[in-house]
């Protein structure tokens, strides 16, 4: 018998991954999540910034990065400089401060565009989950495990689940766009 729970869980995971991805897009506030995933070259390997330093919000527009090892400060500065975030870190003793300049209208529009691209990727993932689930239902119908009428009902449920998930993604995009465009 076909089980809808795994389909629901996979779609929820796709939505959660999308939420995490758009949380990285900044509005006007400095959020530690924006830089904590940057990869820092340390001791011959690459590690996320969050594993070599603590990242905290010092104010609405400044993040403070305090490395566990002071020797890593130049590597942390390079990682922040090398990111595509357009940030210029400032070192003060054993703390690297990362000021966030106010967003221009043009940059806000670029970020909205990125959010919409990410949303499209999330929708594709959701549609792929639908395709796989529908294929499973059809395979079970072909193998005479499911009668044809039940197969149709499952496919309708899968489509409703897909539609609901895509509406959730669209809602998240609208909220993020409103947040980003608010000056």
C-alpha atoms as a PDB file:
ATOM      1  CA  UNK A   1       0.000   0.000   0.000  1.00  0.00           C
ATOM      2  CA  UNK A   2       1.243   3.494  -0.837  1.00  0.00           C
ATOM      3  CA  UNK A   3       2.232   5.764   2.101  1.00  0.00           C
ATOM      4  CA  UNK A   4       1.814   9.566   1.800  1.00  0.00           C
ATOM      5  CA  UNK A   5       3.922  10.394   4.890  1.00  0.00           C
ATOM      6  CA  UNK A   6       7.352  10.135   3.204  1.00  0.00           C
ATOM      7  CA  UNK A   7       6.116  12.365   0.372  1.00  0.00           C
ATOM      8  CA  UNK A   8       4.896  14.971   2.885  1.00  0.00           C
ATOM      9  CA  UNK A   9       8.191  14.783   4.821  1.00  0.00           C
ATOM     10  CA  UNK A  10      10.306  15.229   1.683  1.00  0.00           C
ATOM     11  CA  UNK A  11       8.285  18.262   0.600  1.00  0.00           C
ATOM     12  CA  UNK A  12       8.557  19.761   4.103  1.00  0.00           C
ATOM     13  CA  UNK A  13      12.331  19.226   4.018  1.00  0.00           C
ATOM     14  CA  UNK A  14      12.510  21.010   0.647  1.00  0.00           C
ATOM     15  CA  UNK A  15      10.576  23.957   2.124  1.00  0.00           C
ATOM     16  CA  UNK A  16      12.791  24.004   5.237  1.00  0.00           C
ATOM     17  CA  UNK A  17      15.931  24.035   3.077  1.00  0.00           C
ATOM     18  CA  UNK A  18      14.462  26.969   1.137  1.00  0.00           C
ATOM     19  CA  UNK A  19      13.724  28.829   4.394  1.00  0.00           C
ATOM     20  CA  UNK A  20      17.335  28.355   5.531  1.00  0.00           C
ATOM     21  CA  UNK A  21      18.644  29.546   2.193  1.00  0.00           C
ATOM     22  CA  UNK A  22      16.595  32.749   2.118  1.00  0.00           C
ATOM     23  CA  UNK A  23      17.421  33.482   5.759  1.00  0.00           C
ATOM     24  CA  UNK A  24      20.964  34.109   4.529  1.00  0.00           C
ATOM     25  CA  UNK A  25      19.734  36.961   2.343  1.00  0.00           C
ATOM     26  CA  UNK A  26      20.000  40.104   4.374  1.00  0.00           C
ATOM     27  CA  UNK A  27      17.490  42.901   4.647  1.00  0.00           C
ATOM     28  CA  UNK A  28      18.941  45.721   6.708  1.00  0.00           C
ATOM     29  CA  UNK A  29      20.112  43.935   9.807  1.00  0.00           C
ATOM     30  CA  UNK A  30      23.363  42.128  10.323  1.00  0.00           C
ATOM     31  CA  UNK A  31      22.570  38.452  10.899  1.00  0.00           C
ATOM     32  CA  UNK A  32      25.309  36.000  12.030  1.00  0.00           C
ATOM     33  CA  UNK A  33      23.856  33.371   9.654  1.00  0.00           C
ATOM     34  CA  UNK A  34      25.045  35.515   6.743  1.00  0.00           C
ATOM     35  CA  UNK A  35      28.724  34.793   7.332  1.00  0.00           C
ATOM     36  CA  UNK A  36      28.863  31.825   9.716  1.00  0.00           C
ATOM     37  CA  UNK A  37      28.883  29.393   6.767  1.00  0.00           C
ATOM     38  CA  UNK A  38      31.820  31.035   4.972  1.00  0.00           C
ATOM     39  CA  UNK A  39      34.718  28.642   4.487  1.00  0.00           C
ATOM     40  CA  UNK A  40      37.987  29.667   6.164  1.00  0.00           C
ATOM     41  CA  UNK A  41      41.358  28.199   5.196  1.00  0.00           C
ATOM     42  CA  UNK A  42      42.728  26.876   8.498  1.00  0.00           C
ATOM     43  CA  UNK A  43      45.586  24.518   9.237  1.00  0.00           C
ATOM     44  CA  UNK A  44      45.667  23.216   5.662  1.00  0.00           C
ATOM     45  CA  UNK A  45      41.931  22.588   5.426  1.00  0.00           C
ATOM     46  CA  UNK A  46      38.708  24.530   4.860  1.00  0.00           C
ATOM     47  CA  UNK A  47      36.268  24.915   7.752  1.00  0.00           C
ATOM     48  CA  UNK A  48      33.068  26.916   8.220  1.00  0.00           C
ATOM     49  CA  UNK A  49      33.610  30.194  10.069  1.00  0.00           C
ATOM     50  CA  UNK A  50      31.240  29.046  12.818  1.00  0.00           C
ATOM     51  CA  UNK A  51      33.677  26.226  13.688  1.00  0.00           C
ATOM     52  CA  UNK A  52      36.721  28.470  14.124  1.00  0.00           C
ATOM     53  CA  UNK A  53      35.121  31.546  15.700  1.00  0.00           C
ATOM     54  CA  UNK A  54      32.035  32.863  17.443  1.00  0.00           C
ATOM     55  CA  UNK A  55      29.907  35.174  15.303  1.00  0.00           C
ATOM     56  CA  UNK A  56      27.630  37.589  17.156  1.00  0.00           C
ATOM     57  CA  UNK A  57      25.578  40.673  16.361  1.00  0.00           C
ATOM     58  CA  UNK A  58      27.246  43.667  17.932  1.00  0.00           C
ATOM     59  CA  UNK A  59      24.565  46.040  16.651  1.00  0.00           C
ATOM     60  CA  UNK A  60      21.968  46.138  13.880  1.00  0.00           C
ATOM     61  CA  UNK A  61      24.671  46.862  11.309  1.00  0.00           C
ATOM     62  CA  UNK A  62      27.835  45.232  12.732  1.00  0.00           C
ATOM     63  CA  UNK A  63      28.802  41.602  13.308  1.00  0.00           C
ATOM     64  CA  UNK A  64      31.649  40.667  15.648  1.00  0.00           C
ATOM     65  CA  UNK A  65      33.788  37.636  14.850  1.00  0.00           C
ATOM     66  CA  UNK A  66      35.946  36.370  17.732  1.00  0.00           C
ATOM     67  CA  UNK A  67      38.240  33.543  16.599  1.00  0.00           C
ATOM     68  CA  UNK A  68      39.222  30.772  19.002  1.00  0.00           C
ATOM     69  CA  UNK A  69      42.814  31.190  17.785  1.00  0.00           C
ATOM     70  CA  UNK A  70      44.186  34.713  17.125  1.00  0.00           C
ATOM     71  CA  UNK A  71      46.409  33.351  14.342  1.00  0.00           C
ATOM     72  CA  UNK A  72      43.283  32.783  12.241  1.00  0.00           C
ATOM     73  CA  UNK A  73      42.360  36.487  12.007  1.00  0.00           C
ATOM     74  CA  UNK A  74      44.050  37.013   8.576  1.00  0.00           C
ATOM     75  CA  UNK A  75      42.393  33.858   7.182  1.00  0.00           C
ATOM     76  CA  UNK A  76      38.991  35.010   8.487  1.00  0.00           C
ATOM     77  CA  UNK A  77      39.494  38.440   6.905  1.00  0.00           C
ATOM     78  CA  UNK A  78      40.397  36.809   3.570  1.00  0.00           C
ATOM     79  CA  UNK A  79      37.317  34.565   3.706  1.00  0.00           C
ATOM     80  CA  UNK A  80      34.996  37.505   4.381  1.00  0.00           C
ATOM     81  CA  UNK A  81      36.699  39.666   1.735  1.00  0.00           C
ATOM     82  CA  UNK A  82      36.606  36.825  -0.794  1.00  0.00           C
ATOM     83  CA  UNK A  83      32.885  36.171  -0.338  1.00  0.00           C
ATOM     84  CA  UNK A  84      30.420  37.691  -2.781  1.00  0.00           C
ATOM     85  CA  UNK A  85      28.750  39.647   0.037  1.00  0.00           C
ATOM     86  CA  UNK A  86      30.734  42.831  -0.611  1.00  0.00           C
ATOM     87  CA  UNK A  87      31.852  43.237   3.006  1.00  0.00           C
ATOM     88  CA  UNK A  88      35.027  44.852   4.363  1.00  0.00           C
ATOM     89  CA  UNK A  89      36.102  43.381   7.717  1.00  0.00           C
ATOM     90  CA  UNK A  90      37.936  45.573  10.235  1.00  0.00           C
ATOM     91  CA  UNK A  91      40.289  44.092  12.816  1.00  0.00           C
ATOM     92  CA  UNK A  92      40.447  45.552  16.309  1.00  0.00           C
ATOM     93  CA  UNK A  93      42.745  43.502  18.524  1.00  0.00           C
ATOM     94  CA  UNK A  94      41.426  39.955  18.668  1.00  0.00           C
ATOM     95  CA  UNK A  95      37.991  40.760  17.195  1.00  0.00           C
ATOM     96  CA  UNK A  96      37.089  41.125  13.517  1.00  0.00           C
ATOM     97  CA  UNK A  97      34.200  43.542  13.061  1.00  0.00           C
ATOM     98  CA  UNK A  98      32.123  43.279   9.905  1.00  0.00           C
ATOM     99  CA  UNK A  99      30.107  46.439   9.198  1.00  0.00           C
ATOM    100  CA  UNK A 100      27.124  46.050   6.885  1.00  0.00           C
ATOM    101  CA  UNK A 101      26.555  49.040   4.621  1.00  0.00           C
ATOM    102  CA  UNK A 102      22.947  50.051   3.996  1.00  0.00           C
ATOM    103  CA  UNK A 103      21.484  48.345   0.938  1.00  0.00           C
ATOM    104  CA  UNK A 104      20.968  50.340  -2.222  1.00  0.00           C
ATOM    105  CA  UNK A 105      17.760  49.987  -4.219  1.00  0.00           C
ATOM    106  CA  UNK A 106      19.704  48.181  -6.937  1.00  0.00           C
ATOM    107  CA  UNK A 107      21.218  45.679  -4.464  1.00  0.00           C
ATOM    108  CA  UNK A 108      17.798  45.045  -2.920  1.00  0.00           C
ATOM    109  CA  UNK A 109      16.443  44.148  -6.361  1.00  0.00           C
ATOM    110  CA  UNK A 110      19.408  41.811  -6.975  1.00  0.00           C
ATOM    111  CA  UNK A 111      18.728  40.038  -3.689  1.00  0.00           C
ATOM    112  CA  UNK A 112      15.020  39.686  -4.539  1.00  0.00           C
ATOM    113  CA  UNK A 113      16.078  38.178  -7.868  1.00  0.00           C
ATOM    114  CA  UNK A 114      18.334  35.685  -6.035  1.00  0.00           C
ATOM    115  CA  UNK A 115      15.490  34.768  -3.674  1.00  0.00           C
ATOM    116  CA  UNK A 116      13.212  34.106  -6.661  1.00  0.00           C
ATOM    117  CA  UNK A 117      15.865  31.902  -8.299  1.00  0.00           C
ATOM    118  CA  UNK A 118      16.222  29.948  -5.069  1.00  0.00           C
ATOM    119  CA  UNK A 119      12.426  29.628  -4.921  1.00  0.00           C
ATOM    120  CA  UNK A 120      12.381  28.207  -8.426  1.00  0.00           C
ATOM    121  CA  UNK A 121      14.955  25.595  -7.378  1.00  0.00           C
ATOM    122  CA  UNK A 122      12.784  24.691  -4.377  1.00  0.00           C
ATOM    123  CA  UNK A 123       9.733  24.332  -6.651  1.00  0.00           C
ATOM    124  CA  UNK A 124      11.690  22.073  -9.008  1.00  0.00           C
ATOM    125  CA  UNK A 125      12.685  19.914  -6.025  1.00  0.00           C
ATOM    126  CA  UNK A 126       9.028  19.706  -4.943  1.00  0.00           C
ATOM    127  CA  UNK A 127       7.922  18.776  -8.483  1.00  0.00           C
ATOM    128  CA  UNK A 128      10.623  16.079  -8.608  1.00  0.00           C
ATOM    129  CA  UNK A 129       9.261  14.636  -5.360  1.00  0.00           C
ATOM    130  CA  UNK A 130       5.782  14.635  -6.950  1.00  0.00           C
ATOM    131  CA  UNK A 131       7.094  12.888 -10.063  1.00  0.00           C
ATOM    132  CA  UNK A 132       8.808  10.171  -8.002  1.00  0.00           C
ATOM    133  CA  UNK A 133       5.733   9.649  -5.804  1.00  0.00           C
ATOM    134  CA  UNK A 134       3.436   9.414  -8.833  1.00  0.00           C
ATOM    135  CA  UNK A 135       5.813   6.899 -10.410  1.00  0.00           C
ATOM    136  CA  UNK A 136       5.689   4.790  -7.231  1.00  0.00           C
ATOM    137  CA  UNK A 137       1.873   4.854  -7.308  1.00  0.00           C
ATOM    138  CA  UNK A 138       1.796   3.862 -10.992  1.00  0.00           C
ATOM    139  CA  UNK A 139       4.292   1.057 -10.356  1.00  0.00           C
ATOM    140  CA  UNK A 140       2.111  -0.285  -7.526  1.00  0.00           C
ATOM    141  CA  UNK A 141      -0.951  -0.074  -9.783  1.00  0.00           C
ATOM    142  CA  UNK A 142       0.899  -1.935 -12.538  1.00  0.00           C
ATOM    143  CA  UNK A 143       1.982  -4.609 -10.041  1.00  0.00           C
ATOM    144  CA  UNK A 144      -1.691  -4.990  -9.001  1.00  0.00           C
ATOM    145  CA  UNK A 145      -0.911  -3.834  -5.429  1.00  0.00           C
ATOM    146  CA  UNK A 146      -3.207  -0.812  -5.813  1.00  0.00           C
ATOM    147  CA  UNK A 147      -6.542  -0.774  -7.626  1.00  0.00           C
ATOM    148  CA  UNK A 148      -6.917   1.894 -10.342  1.00  0.00           C
ATOM    149  CA  UNK A 149      -9.389   4.044  -8.375  1.00  0.00           C
ATOM    150  CA  UNK A 150      -7.062   4.179  -5.340  1.00  0.00           C
ATOM    151  CA  UNK A 151      -4.151   5.000  -7.611  1.00  0.00           C
ATOM    152  CA  UNK A 152      -6.065   8.003  -8.980  1.00  0.00           C
ATOM    153  CA  UNK A 153      -6.949   9.145  -5.435  1.00  0.00           C
ATOM    154  CA  UNK A 154      -3.292   8.956  -4.354  1.00  0.00           C
ATOM    155  CA  UNK A 155      -2.205  10.900  -7.429  1.00  0.00           C
ATOM    156  CA  UNK A 156      -4.799  13.589  -6.625  1.00  0.00           C
ATOM    157  CA  UNK A 157      -3.545  13.759  -3.010  1.00  0.00           C
ATOM    158  CA  UNK A 158       0.045  14.036  -4.232  1.00  0.00           C
ATOM    159  CA  UNK A 159      -0.965  16.878  -6.570  1.00  0.00           C
ATOM    160  CA  UNK A 160      -2.777  18.697  -3.744  1.00  0.00           C
ATOM    161  CA  UNK A 161       0.292  18.295  -1.523  1.00  0.00           C
ATOM    162  CA  UNK A 162       2.481  19.668  -4.331  1.00  0.00           C
ATOM    163  CA  UNK A 163       0.166  22.648  -4.885  1.00  0.00           C
ATOM    164  CA  UNK A 164       0.100  23.433  -1.158  1.00  0.00           C
ATOM    165  CA  UNK A 165       3.905  23.235  -0.941  1.00  0.00           C
ATOM    166  CA  UNK A 166       4.374  25.544  -3.918  1.00  0.00           C
ATOM    167  CA  UNK A 167       1.926  28.037  -2.387  1.00  0.00           C
ATOM    168  CA  UNK A 168       4.031  27.949   0.811  1.00  0.00           C
ATOM    169  CA  UNK A 169       7.182  28.724  -1.195  1.00  0.00           C
ATOM    170  CA  UNK A 170       5.416  31.582  -3.013  1.00  0.00           C
ATOM    171  CA  UNK A 171       4.206  32.993   0.307  1.00  0.00           C
ATOM    172  CA  UNK A 172       7.742  32.883   1.728  1.00  0.00           C
ATOM    173  CA  UNK A 173       9.039  34.673  -1.380  1.00  0.00           C
ATOM    174  CA  UNK A 174       6.406  37.409  -1.035  1.00  0.00           C
ATOM    175  CA  UNK A 175       7.249  37.916   2.647  1.00  0.00           C
ATOM    176  CA  UNK A 176      10.987  38.046   1.962  1.00  0.00           C
ATOM    177  CA  UNK A 177      10.504  40.442  -0.954  1.00  0.00           C
ATOM    178  CA  UNK A 178       8.417  42.781   1.246  1.00  0.00           C
ATOM    179  CA  UNK A 179      11.115  42.585   3.955  1.00  0.00           C
ATOM    180  CA  UNK A 180      13.911  43.330   1.489  1.00  0.00           C
ATOM    181  CA  UNK A 181      12.196  46.204  -0.284  1.00  0.00           C
ATOM    182  CA  UNK A 182      11.200  47.946   2.951  1.00  0.00           C
ATOM    183  CA  UNK A 183      13.591  50.844   3.471  1.00  0.00           C
END
